[in-house]
Amino acid sequence: MTLTIRDFTPADAEAAAAAHRAGRSHLVLIAEVFAWLPEHLPAAQHYRTFVAEIDGRVVGSVRCGRVTDTSAEGIAYANGSVLPGFRRRGAFTALLAAAERHLAEHGATEVHSWVDDVPEARAFAAGRGYREGRVAHFARRDLTAPLPPVPDVPAGVELRTAADYQDDPYPLFVVDADAGRDEPGEVDIDRADYQDWLDGVWSRPDLDRDLTVVALVDGTPAAFSAAHTDRETRYWSAFTACRREFRGRGLATLAKVRSLHLARAAGLTEAFTNNDATNAPMLAINERLGYRRCASERKFVKQLTA
């Protein structure tokens, strides 16, 4: 057996995406995103993807970079996977080591990694110096089953889609940046940059602007439910955001329900989402919308040495 770790090329996109999704039916991630990421994330992230080849076949990958939307210093991430049939051969150990070296070279002192919440994956992370952290849950919703009706739209509220903001998406950035400050996590997301958002969020190839629903209050965007798809049958609730001053009015629920109806009308059959285990309000909303937990993941963190 010959194991090789090398830099990702666009030709690796399909294999890298397949390795990431293998055994994870709850993930909605198209190969095009893998090819798109290196050219669109902020330069300050020092983003890089490594792939593992065994006897000439790409069997795994890891994506890594610095976290740039926080004022905390030295924070980085590394996430990836190996095809189930090629595990326990040292491939991911080598991938992770390559990612850690790269991150350390660019000033990272702490690496965060999401790991499947199963004993084998948790033991693997712990055995490589990572400490266990918070939990997040995935949930699935059958879009062929009856959906709850779209709630009545209150006076002064209007629903649009992100497609209406094609020429000027800045009002949606404002909603995203405000809501992001309150996202549960070990790292405070407190440094939003509009150009970075345009490059890394708004221009994602899997963002479906026709299914991303925006709730406006007196003409001002107040909340949205962002949708990614695999362009076939699967829908991913990427981020549901509501500005602080408009919370408690049901706007997030309104946008989410409308988005699910649009997704079903577009022929999608499965919806997936992910929430931090401490995010009780959003977990409750998704439960009411018919989502049912299907998997979990756990954050692991490691301190890097020079």
C-alpha atoms as a PDB file:
ATOM      1  CA  MET A   1       0.000   0.000   0.000  1.00  0.00           C
ATOM      2  CA  THR A   2       1.290   3.435  -0.962  1.00  0.00           C
ATOM      3  CA  LEU A   3      -0.147   6.422   0.926  1.00  0.00           C
ATOM      4  CA  THR A   4       0.383   9.907  -0.488  1.00  0.00           C
ATOM      5  CA  ILE A   5      -0.725  13.265   0.937  1.00  0.00           C
ATOM      6  CA  ARG A   6      -0.813  16.116  -1.553  1.00  0.00           C
ATOM      7  CA  ASP A   7      -2.559  19.392  -2.384  1.00  0.00           C
ATOM      8  CA  PHE A   8      -6.060  19.304  -3.775  1.00  0.00           C
ATOM      9  CA  THR A   9      -6.669  20.037  -7.453  1.00  0.00           C
ATOM     10  CA  PRO A  10     -10.056  20.721  -9.103  1.00  0.00           C
ATOM     11  CA  ALA A  11      -9.911  17.242 -10.626  1.00  0.00           C
ATOM     12  CA  ASP A  12     -10.162  15.829  -7.079  1.00  0.00           C
ATOM     13  CA  ALA A  13     -13.501  17.514  -6.313  1.00  0.00           C
ATOM     14  CA  GLU A  14     -15.795  14.543  -6.919  1.00  0.00           C
ATOM     15  CA  ALA A  15     -13.630  12.118  -4.935  1.00  0.00           C
ATOM     16  CA  ALA A  16     -13.121  14.574  -2.068  1.00  0.00           C
ATOM     17  CA  ALA A  17     -16.849  15.257  -1.798  1.00  0.00           C
ATOM     18  CA  ALA A  18     -17.639  11.537  -1.916  1.00  0.00           C
ATOM     19  CA  ALA A  19     -15.232  10.865   0.948  1.00  0.00           C
ATOM     20  CA  HIS A  20     -16.770  13.661   3.017  1.00  0.00           C
ATOM     21  CA  ARG A  21     -20.339  12.433   2.463  1.00  0.00           C
ATOM     22  CA  ALA A  22     -19.641   8.695   2.849  1.00  0.00           C
ATOM     23  CA  GLY A  23     -21.662   7.304   5.726  1.00  0.00           C
ATOM     24  CA  ARG A  24     -23.226  10.738   6.293  1.00  0.00           C
ATOM     25  CA  SER A  25     -26.527  10.805   4.455  1.00  0.00           C
ATOM     26  CA  HIS A  26     -27.387  13.983   6.384  1.00  0.00           C
ATOM     27  CA  LEU A  27     -24.759  16.078   4.577  1.00  0.00           C
ATOM     28  CA  VAL A  28     -25.728  18.070   1.492  1.00  0.00           C
ATOM     29  CA  LEU A  29     -22.478  19.051  -0.187  1.00  0.00           C
ATOM     30  CA  ILE A  30     -21.787  19.117  -3.904  1.00  0.00           C
ATOM     31  CA  ALA A  31     -18.394  18.548  -5.489  1.00  0.00           C
ATOM     32  CA  GLU A  32     -18.463  21.979  -7.098  1.00  0.00           C
ATOM     33  CA  VAL A  33     -18.126  23.565  -3.654  1.00  0.00           C
ATOM     34  CA  PHE A  34     -14.797  21.787  -3.096  1.00  0.00           C
ATOM     35  CA  ALA A  35     -13.447  23.224  -6.334  1.00  0.00           C
ATOM     36  CA  TRP A  36     -14.895  26.675  -5.590  1.00  0.00           C
ATOM     37  CA  LEU A  37     -13.623  27.142  -2.020  1.00  0.00           C
ATOM     38  CA  PRO A  38      -9.878  27.699  -2.654  1.00  0.00           C
ATOM     39  CA  GLU A  39     -10.517  30.653  -4.962  1.00  0.00           C
ATOM     40  CA  HIS A  40     -13.210  32.408  -2.945  1.00  0.00           C
ATOM     41  CA  LEU A  41     -12.356  32.356   0.749  1.00  0.00           C
ATOM     42  CA  PRO A  42     -10.493  35.339   2.275  1.00  0.00           C
ATOM     43  CA  ALA A  43      -6.742  35.284   1.714  1.00  0.00           C
ATOM     44  CA  ALA A  44      -6.265  35.784   5.463  1.00  0.00           C
ATOM     45  CA  GLN A  45      -7.770  32.331   6.050  1.00  0.00           C
ATOM     46  CA  HIS A  46      -4.825  30.670   4.296  1.00  0.00           C
ATOM     47  CA  TYR A  47      -7.397  28.087   3.252  1.00  0.00           C
ATOM     48  CA  ARG A  48      -6.043  24.809   1.950  1.00  0.00           C
ATOM     49  CA  THR A  49      -7.345  21.352   1.090  1.00  0.00           C
ATOM     50  CA  PHE A  50      -5.174  18.256   1.273  1.00  0.00           C
ATOM     51  CA  VAL A  51      -6.119  14.903  -0.237  1.00  0.00           C
ATOM     52  CA  ALA A  52      -4.990  11.392   0.626  1.00  0.00           C
ATOM     53  CA  GLU A  53      -4.274   8.876  -2.113  1.00  0.00           C
ATOM     54  CA  ILE A  54      -3.896   5.159  -1.526  1.00  0.00           C
ATOM     55  CA  ASP A  55      -2.351   3.352  -4.463  1.00  0.00           C
ATOM     56  CA  GLY A  56      -3.264   6.273  -6.714  1.00  0.00           C
ATOM     57  CA  ARG A  57      -6.906   6.626  -5.625  1.00  0.00           C
ATOM     58  CA  VAL A  58      -8.159   9.693  -3.733  1.00  0.00           C
ATOM     59  CA  VAL A  59      -9.784   8.265  -0.603  1.00  0.00           C
ATOM     60  CA  GLY A  60     -10.016  11.268   1.715  1.00  0.00           C
ATOM     61  CA  SER A  61      -9.476  14.962   2.240  1.00  0.00           C
ATOM     62  CA  VAL A  62      -9.172  17.623   4.910  1.00  0.00           C
ATOM     63  CA  ARG A  63     -10.113  21.306   4.562  1.00  0.00           C
ATOM     64  CA  CYS A  64      -8.353  23.753   6.848  1.00  0.00           C
ATOM     65  CA  GLY A  65      -7.864  27.458   7.412  1.00  0.00           C
ATOM     66  CA  ARG A  66      -7.737  30.341   9.865  1.00  0.00           C
ATOM     67  CA  VAL A  67     -10.999  31.697  11.310  1.00  0.00           C
ATOM     68  CA  THR A  68     -11.155  35.328  10.171  1.00  0.00           C
ATOM     69  CA  ASP A  69     -14.570  36.514  11.363  1.00  0.00           C
ATOM     70  CA  THR A  70     -13.557  36.672  15.023  1.00  0.00           C
ATOM     71  CA  SER A  71     -11.412  39.063  17.058  1.00  0.00           C
ATOM     72  CA  ALA A  72      -9.884  36.057  18.862  1.00  0.00           C
ATOM     73  CA  GLU A  73      -6.335  35.380  17.741  1.00  0.00           C
ATOM     74  CA  GLY A  74      -4.887  32.133  16.419  1.00  0.00           C
ATOM     75  CA  ILE A  75      -8.137  30.209  15.868  1.00  0.00           C
ATOM     76  CA  ALA A  76      -8.247  27.721  12.983  1.00  0.00           C
ATOM     77  CA  TYR A  77     -10.294  24.773  11.730  1.00  0.00           C
ATOM     78  CA  ALA A  78      -9.626  21.417  10.104  1.00  0.00           C
ATOM     79  CA  ASN A  79     -12.440  19.147   8.908  1.00  0.00           C
ATOM     80  CA  GLY A  80     -12.449  16.121   6.659  1.00  0.00           C
ATOM     81  CA  SER A  81     -12.999  12.415   6.233  1.00  0.00           C
ATOM     82  CA  VAL A  82     -11.795   9.197   4.597  1.00  0.00           C
ATOM     83  CA  LEU A  83     -13.893   6.647   2.725  1.00  0.00           C
ATOM     84  CA  PRO A  84     -15.029   3.940   5.199  1.00  0.00           C
ATOM     85  CA  GLY A  85     -13.304   1.145   3.302  1.00  0.00           C
ATOM     86  CA  PHE A  86      -9.929   2.892   3.571  1.00  0.00           C
ATOM     87  CA  ARG A  87      -9.921   3.840   7.221  1.00  0.00           C
ATOM     88  CA  ARG A  88      -7.438   2.564   9.809  1.00  0.00           C
ATOM     89  CA  ARG A  89      -4.617   2.797   7.281  1.00  0.00           C
ATOM     90  CA  GLY A  90      -3.142   6.066   8.519  1.00  0.00           C
ATOM     91  CA  ALA A  91      -4.715   8.273   5.858  1.00  0.00           C
ATOM     92  CA  PHE A  92      -6.566  10.671   8.115  1.00  0.00           C
ATOM     93  CA  THR A  93      -3.757  10.778  10.665  1.00  0.00           C
ATOM     94  CA  ALA A  94      -1.489  11.971   7.854  1.00  0.00           C
ATOM     95  CA  LEU A  95      -4.091  14.421   6.527  1.00  0.00           C
ATOM     96  CA  LEU A  96      -4.616  15.951   9.950  1.00  0.00           C
ATOM     97  CA  ALA A  97      -0.872  16.254  10.517  1.00  0.00           C
ATOM     98  CA  ALA A  98      -0.503  18.086   7.189  1.00  0.00           C
ATOM     99  CA  ALA A  99      -3.337  20.447   8.111  1.00  0.00           C
ATOM    100  CA  GLU A 100      -1.869  21.177  11.540  1.00  0.00           C
ATOM    101  CA  ARG A 101       1.558  21.936  10.066  1.00  0.00           C
ATOM    102  CA  HIS A 102       0.049  24.282   7.513  1.00  0.00           C
ATOM    103  CA  LEU A 103      -2.038  26.099  10.120  1.00  0.00           C
ATOM    104  CA  ALA A 104       0.869  26.431  12.551  1.00  0.00           C
ATOM    105  CA  GLU A 105       2.999  27.934   9.771  1.00  0.00           C
ATOM    106  CA  HIS A 106       0.357  30.652   9.397  1.00  0.00           C
ATOM    107  CA  GLY A 107       0.085  31.557  13.055  1.00  0.00           C
ATOM    108  CA  ALA A 108      -2.680  29.266  14.264  1.00  0.00           C
ATOM    109  CA  THR A 109      -2.447  28.227  17.912  1.00  0.00           C
ATOM    110  CA  GLU A 110      -5.775  26.405  18.289  1.00  0.00           C
ATOM    111  CA  VAL A 111      -7.516  24.036  15.868  1.00  0.00           C
ATOM    112  CA  HIS A 112     -11.234  23.248  15.970  1.00  0.00           C
ATOM    113  CA  SER A 113     -12.595  20.146  14.275  1.00  0.00           C
ATOM    114  CA  TRP A 114     -16.085  18.670  14.022  1.00  0.00           C
ATOM    115  CA  VAL A 115     -16.146  14.895  14.496  1.00  0.00           C
ATOM    116  CA  ASP A 116     -18.965  12.365  14.078  1.00  0.00           C
ATOM    117  CA  ASP A 117     -20.426  11.745  17.524  1.00  0.00           C
ATOM    118  CA  VAL A 118     -19.621   8.039  17.500  1.00  0.00           C
ATOM    119  CA  PRO A 119     -17.132   6.208  19.773  1.00  0.00           C
ATOM    120  CA  GLU A 120     -14.555   5.434  17.066  1.00  0.00           C
ATOM    121  CA  ALA A 121     -14.326   9.017  15.786  1.00  0.00           C
ATOM    122  CA  ARG A 122     -14.224  10.500  19.267  1.00  0.00           C
ATOM    123  CA  ALA A 123     -11.466   8.099  20.304  1.00  0.00           C
ATOM    124  CA  PHE A 124      -9.492   8.979  17.175  1.00  0.00           C
ATOM    125  CA  ALA A 125      -9.632  12.707  17.963  1.00  0.00           C
ATOM    126  CA  ALA A 126      -8.793  12.242  21.639  1.00  0.00           C
ATOM    127  CA  GLY A 127      -5.848  10.045  20.710  1.00  0.00           C
ATOM    128  CA  ARG A 128      -4.357  12.857  18.653  1.00  0.00           C
ATOM    129  CA  GLY A 129      -4.455  15.477  21.367  1.00  0.00           C
ATOM    130  CA  TYR A 130      -7.895  16.970  20.804  1.00  0.00           C
ATOM    131  CA  ARG A 131     -10.166  17.719  23.764  1.00  0.00           C
ATOM    132  CA  GLU A 132     -13.893  17.108  23.567  1.00  0.00           C
ATOM    133  CA  GLY A 133     -16.277  20.058  23.357  1.00  0.00           C
ATOM    134  CA  ARG A 134     -19.817  20.962  22.393  1.00  0.00           C
ATOM    135  CA  VAL A 135     -22.373  18.867  20.503  1.00  0.00           C
ATOM    136  CA  ALA A 136     -24.523  19.709  17.469  1.00  0.00           C
ATOM    137  CA  HIS A 137     -27.429  17.709  16.078  1.00  0.00           C
ATOM    138  CA  PHE A 138     -28.497  17.007  12.496  1.00  0.00           C
ATOM    139  CA  ALA A 139     -32.168  16.584  11.663  1.00  0.00           C
ATOM    140  CA  ARG A 140     -34.082  15.399   8.604  1.00  0.00           C
ATOM    141  CA  ARG A 141     -37.482  16.366   7.245  1.00  0.00           C
ATOM    142  CA  ASP A 142     -39.364  14.391   4.588  1.00  0.00           C
ATOM    143  CA  LEU A 143     -40.551  16.996   2.084  1.00  0.00           C
ATOM    144  CA  THR A 144     -42.968  14.565   0.486  1.00  0.00           C
ATOM    145  CA  ALA A 145     -44.955  14.486   3.747  1.00  0.00           C
ATOM    146  CA  PRO A 146     -47.477  17.245   4.511  1.00  0.00           C
ATOM    147  CA  LEU A 147     -45.906  20.519   5.561  1.00  0.00           C
ATOM    148  CA  PRO A 148     -47.348  22.902   8.138  1.00  0.00           C
ATOM    149  CA  PRO A 149     -49.140  25.787   6.456  1.00  0.00           C
ATOM    150  CA  VAL A 150     -47.292  29.061   6.011  1.00  0.00           C
ATOM    151  CA  PRO A 151     -48.362  31.253   8.955  1.00  0.00           C
ATOM    152  CA  ASP A 152     -50.377  34.353   8.244  1.00  0.00           C
ATOM    153  CA  VAL A 153     -48.088  37.220   7.311  1.00  0.00           C
ATOM    154  CA  PRO A 154     -48.513  39.998   9.897  1.00  0.00           C
ATOM    155  CA  ALA A 155     -49.282  43.556   8.895  1.00  0.00           C
ATOM    156  CA  GLY A 156     -46.136  45.375   7.885  1.00  0.00           C
ATOM    157  CA  VAL A 157     -44.317  42.134   7.065  1.00  0.00           C
ATOM    158  CA  GLU A 158     -43.495  40.999   3.540  1.00  0.00           C
ATOM    159  CA  LEU A 159     -41.840  37.839   2.233  1.00  0.00           C
ATOM    160  CA  ARG A 160     -39.378  37.918  -0.631  1.00  0.00           C
ATOM    161  CA  THR A 161     -36.527  35.707  -1.808  1.00  0.00           C
ATOM    162  CA  ALA A 162     -32.805  36.387  -1.930  1.00  0.00           C
ATOM    163  CA  ALA A 163     -33.112  36.526  -5.711  1.00  0.00           C
ATOM    164  CA  ASP A 164     -34.706  39.948  -5.230  1.00  0.00           C
ATOM    165  CA  TYR A 165     -31.385  41.156  -3.770  1.00  0.00           C
ATOM    166  CA  GLN A 166     -29.193  39.988  -6.614  1.00  0.00           C
ATOM    167  CA  ASP A 167     -27.997  43.515  -7.389  1.00  0.00           C
ATOM    168  CA  ASP A 168     -27.508  44.639  -3.783  1.00  0.00           C
ATOM    169  CA  PRO A 169     -27.345  41.902  -1.132  1.00  0.00           C
ATOM    170  CA  TYR A 170     -25.942  44.218   1.565  1.00  0.00           C
ATOM    171  CA  PRO A 171     -29.232  44.287   3.554  1.00  0.00           C
ATOM    172  CA  LEU A 172     -28.979  40.492   3.914  1.00  0.00           C
ATOM    173  CA  PHE A 173     -25.374  40.803   5.086  1.00  0.00           C
ATOM    174  CA  VAL A 174     -26.587  43.127   7.845  1.00  0.00           C
ATOM    175  CA  VAL A 175     -29.039  40.469   9.052  1.00  0.00           C
ATOM    176  CA  ASP A 176     -26.404  37.735   8.866  1.00  0.00           C
ATOM    177  CA  ALA A 177     -23.744  39.752  10.703  1.00  0.00           C
ATOM    178  CA  ASP A 178     -26.105  40.742  13.507  1.00  0.00           C
ATOM    179  CA  ALA A 179     -27.447  37.219  14.032  1.00  0.00           C
ATOM    180  CA  GLY A 180     -23.990  35.644  13.794  1.00  0.00           C
ATOM    181  CA  ARG A 181     -22.901  37.376  16.986  1.00  0.00           C
ATOM    182  CA  ASP A 182     -25.312  35.212  18.950  1.00  0.00           C
ATOM    183  CA  GLU A 183     -24.491  31.856  17.380  1.00  0.00           C
ATOM    184  CA  PRO A 184     -23.543  29.331  20.102  1.00  0.00           C
ATOM    185  CA  GLY A 185     -19.898  28.326  20.017  1.00  0.00           C
ATOM    186  CA  GLU A 186     -16.488  28.498  21.604  1.00  0.00           C
ATOM    187  CA  VAL A 187     -15.491  31.391  19.323  1.00  0.00           C
ATOM    188  CA  ASP A 188     -17.257  34.756  19.191  1.00  0.00           C
ATOM    189  CA  ILE A 189     -18.150  35.666  15.608  1.00  0.00           C
ATOM    190  CA  ASP A 190     -17.744  39.405  15.996  1.00  0.00           C
ATOM    191  CA  ARG A 191     -15.785  40.593  12.974  1.00  0.00           C
ATOM    192  CA  ALA A 192     -17.950  40.450   9.863  1.00  0.00           C
ATOM    193  CA  ASP A 193     -16.624  41.821   6.561  1.00  0.00           C
ATOM    194  CA  TYR A 194     -18.953  42.527   3.655  1.00  0.00           C
ATOM    195  CA  GLN A 195     -16.500  41.614   0.887  1.00  0.00           C
ATOM    196  CA  ASP A 196     -15.611  38.357   2.625  1.00  0.00           C
ATOM    197  CA  TRP A 197     -19.327  37.620   2.943  1.00  0.00           C
ATOM    198  CA  LEU A 198     -19.904  38.325  -0.747  1.00  0.00           C
ATOM    199  CA  ASP A 199     -17.028  36.049  -1.738  1.00  0.00           C
ATOM    200  CA  GLY A 200     -17.575  33.212   0.741  1.00  0.00           C
ATOM    201  CA  VAL A 201     -21.322  33.168   1.427  1.00  0.00           C
ATOM    202  CA  TRP A 202     -23.300  35.004  -1.222  1.00  0.00           C
ATOM    203  CA  SER A 203     -21.405  33.527  -4.172  1.00  0.00           C
ATOM    204  CA  ARG A 204     -21.464  29.884  -3.009  1.00  0.00           C
ATOM    205  CA  PRO A 205     -22.465  27.654  -5.933  1.00  0.00           C
ATOM    206  CA  ASP A 206     -24.926  25.672  -3.807  1.00  0.00           C
ATOM    207  CA  LEU A 207     -26.790  28.706  -2.453  1.00  0.00           C
ATOM    208  CA  ASP A 208     -30.290  28.688  -3.936  1.00  0.00           C
ATOM    209  CA  ARG A 209     -31.463  32.286  -3.878  1.00  0.00           C
ATOM    210  CA  ASP A 210     -34.918  31.355  -5.150  1.00  0.00           C
ATOM    211  CA  LEU A 211     -35.450  29.161  -2.079  1.00  0.00           C
ATOM    212  CA  THR A 212     -33.800  31.534   0.412  1.00  0.00           C
ATOM    213  CA  VAL A 213     -36.689  33.454   1.962  1.00  0.00           C
ATOM    214  CA  VAL A 214     -36.366  36.937   3.433  1.00  0.00           C
ATOM    215  CA  ALA A 215     -38.845  38.467   5.882  1.00  0.00           C
ATOM    216  CA  LEU A 216     -39.078  42.253   5.718  1.00  0.00           C
ATOM    217  CA  VAL A 217     -40.583  44.541   8.351  1.00  0.00           C
ATOM    218  CA  ASP A 218     -41.780  47.845   6.912  1.00  0.00           C
ATOM    219  CA  GLY A 219     -39.548  47.246   3.894  1.00  0.00           C
ATOM    220  CA  THR A 220     -36.385  46.394   5.855  1.00  0.00           C
ATOM    221  CA  PRO A 221     -34.960  42.840   5.825  1.00  0.00           C
ATOM    222  CA  ALA A 222     -35.272  41.516   9.368  1.00  0.00           C
ATOM    223  CA  ALA A 223     -34.822  37.748   8.994  1.00  0.00           C
ATOM    224  CA  PHE A 224     -34.002  35.120   6.405  1.00  0.00           C
ATOM    225  CA  SER A 225     -33.733  31.363   5.982  1.00  0.00           C
ATOM    226  CA  ALA A 226     -30.825  30.493   3.678  1.00  0.00           C
ATOM    227  CA  ALA A 227     -31.090  27.361   1.518  1.00  0.00           C
ATOM    228  CA  HIS A 228     -28.411  25.227  -0.125  1.00  0.00           C
ATOM    229  CA  THR A 229     -29.286  22.324  -2.408  1.00  0.00           C
ATOM    230  CA  ASP A 230     -27.555  19.491  -4.234  1.00  0.00           C
ATOM    231  CA  ARG A 231     -29.450  20.604  -7.365  1.00  0.00           C
ATOM    232  CA  GLU A 232     -31.328  17.328  -7.372  1.00  0.00           C
ATOM    233  CA  THR A 233     -33.552  16.319  -4.443  1.00  0.00           C
ATOM    234  CA  ARG A 234     -31.841  17.464  -1.242  1.00  0.00           C
ATOM    235  CA  TYR A 235     -32.200  20.736   0.663  1.00  0.00           C
ATOM    236  CA  TRP A 236     -29.949  22.113   3.396  1.00  0.00           C
ATOM    237  CA  SER A 237     -31.043  24.814   5.815  1.00  0.00           C
ATOM    238  CA  ALA A 238     -27.739  26.697   5.871  1.00  0.00           C
ATOM    239  CA  PHE A 239     -28.503  29.499   8.329  1.00  0.00           C
ATOM    240  CA  THR A 240     -31.650  31.019   9.740  1.00  0.00           C
ATOM    241  CA  ALA A 241     -30.976  34.542  10.945  1.00  0.00           C
ATOM    242  CA  CYS A 242     -33.014  37.286  12.603  1.00  0.00           C
ATOM    243  CA  ARG A 243     -31.824  40.711  13.683  1.00  0.00           C
ATOM    244  CA  ARG A 244     -31.974  41.154  17.435  1.00  0.00           C
ATOM    245  CA  GLU A 245     -34.510  43.983  17.397  1.00  0.00           C
ATOM    246  CA  PHE A 246     -37.014  41.881  15.445  1.00  0.00           C
ATOM    247  CA  ARG A 247     -36.876  38.679  17.468  1.00  0.00           C
ATOM    248  CA  GLY A 248     -39.895  37.199  19.188  1.00  0.00           C
ATOM    249  CA  ARG A 249     -42.267  37.919  16.275  1.00  0.00           C
ATOM    250  CA  GLY A 250     -42.058  34.525  14.563  1.00  0.00           C
ATOM    251  CA  LEU A 251     -40.216  35.918  11.545  1.00  0.00           C
ATOM    252  CA  ALA A 252     -37.623  33.130  11.459  1.00  0.00           C
ATOM    253  CA  THR A 253     -40.339  30.481  11.533  1.00  0.00           C
ATOM    254  CA  LEU A 254     -42.258  32.323   8.825  1.00  0.00           C
ATOM    255  CA  ALA A 255     -39.208  32.386   6.551  1.00  0.00           C
ATOM    256  CA  LYS A 256     -38.307  28.734   7.240  1.00  0.00           C
ATOM    257  CA  VAL A 257     -41.809  27.424   6.516  1.00  0.00           C
ATOM    258  CA  ARG A 258     -42.113  29.438   3.321  1.00  0.00           C
ATOM    259  CA  SER A 259     -38.693  28.187   2.181  1.00  0.00           C
ATOM    260  CA  LEU A 260     -39.693  24.553   2.780  1.00  0.00           C
ATOM    261  CA  HIS A 261     -42.855  25.036   0.712  1.00  0.00           C
ATOM    262  CA  LEU A 262     -40.824  26.525  -2.123  1.00  0.00           C
ATOM    263  CA  ALA A 263     -38.364  23.623  -1.896  1.00  0.00           C
ATOM    264  CA  ARG A 264     -41.117  21.049  -2.206  1.00  0.00           C
ATOM    265  CA  ALA A 265     -42.682  22.918  -5.116  1.00  0.00           C
ATOM    266  CA  ALA A 266     -39.265  22.819  -6.811  1.00  0.00           C
ATOM    267  CA  GLY A 267     -39.256  19.004  -6.567  1.00  0.00           C
ATOM    268  CA  LEU A 268     -36.920  18.533  -3.600  1.00  0.00           C
ATOM    269  CA  THR A 269     -37.789  15.576  -1.398  1.00  0.00           C
ATOM    270  CA  GLU A 270     -35.509  15.737   1.678  1.00  0.00           C
ATOM    271  CA  ALA A 271     -34.573  18.619   3.971  1.00  0.00           C
ATOM    272  CA  PHE A 272     -31.698  18.623   6.457  1.00  0.00           C
ATOM    273  CA  THR A 273     -30.487  21.034   9.096  1.00  0.00           C
ATOM    274  CA  ASN A 274     -27.923  21.300  11.894  1.00  0.00           C
ATOM    275  CA  ASN A 275     -28.131  23.067  15.254  1.00  0.00           C
ATOM    276  CA  ASP A 276     -25.987  23.428  18.330  1.00  0.00           C
ATOM    277  CA  ALA A 277     -27.342  21.281  21.164  1.00  0.00           C
ATOM    278  CA  THR A 278     -27.709  24.399  23.336  1.00  0.00           C
ATOM    279  CA  ASN A 279     -29.761  26.302  20.749  1.00  0.00           C
ATOM    280  CA  ALA A 280     -33.097  25.414  22.325  1.00  0.00           C
ATOM    281  CA  PRO A 281     -35.235  27.969  20.402  1.00  0.00           C
ATOM    282  CA  MET A 282     -34.119  26.757  16.974  1.00  0.00           C
ATOM    283  CA  LEU A 283     -34.289  23.101  17.975  1.00  0.00           C
ATOM    284  CA  ALA A 284     -37.870  23.677  19.112  1.00  0.00           C
ATOM    285  CA  ILE A 285     -38.793  25.425  15.855  1.00  0.00           C
ATOM    286  CA  ASN A 286     -37.379  22.584  13.776  1.00  0.00           C
ATOM    287  CA  GLU A 287     -39.178  20.006  15.908  1.00  0.00           C
ATOM    288  CA  ARG A 288     -42.480  21.807  15.270  1.00  0.00           C
ATOM    289  CA  LEU A 289     -41.694  21.868  11.548  1.00  0.00           C
ATOM    290  CA  GLY A 290     -41.355  18.091  11.463  1.00  0.00           C
ATOM    291  CA  TYR A 291     -37.581  17.691  11.541  1.00  0.00           C
ATOM    292  CA  ARG A 292     -36.342  14.591  13.379  1.00  0.00           C
ATOM    293  CA  ARG A 293     -32.813  14.049  14.674  1.00  0.00           C
ATOM    294  CA  CYS A 294     -30.779  11.736  12.458  1.00  0.00           C
ATOM    295  CA  ALA A 295     -27.140  12.220  13.568  1.00  0.00           C
ATOM    296  CA  SER A 296     -24.876  14.266  15.812  1.00  0.00           C
ATOM    297  CA  GLU A 297     -21.369  15.669  15.732  1.00  0.00           C
ATOM    298  CA  ARG A 298     -19.005  16.884  18.416  1.00  0.00           C
ATOM    299  CA  LYS A 299     -16.459  19.699  18.407  1.00  0.00           C
ATOM    300  CA  PHE A 300     -12.883  18.798  19.337  1.00  0.00           C
ATOM    301  CA  VAL A 301     -10.192  21.401  20.011  1.00  0.00           C
ATOM    302  CA  LYS A 302      -6.396  21.110  20.053  1.00  0.00           C
ATOM    303  CA  GLN A 303      -3.708  23.555  21.132  1.00  0.00           C
ATOM    304  CA  LEU A 304      -0.882  23.740  18.615  1.00  0.00           C
ATOM    305  CA  THR A 305       2.744  24.167  19.529  1.00  0.00           C
ATOM    306  CA  ALA A 306       5.206  26.080  17.405  1.00  0.00           C
END
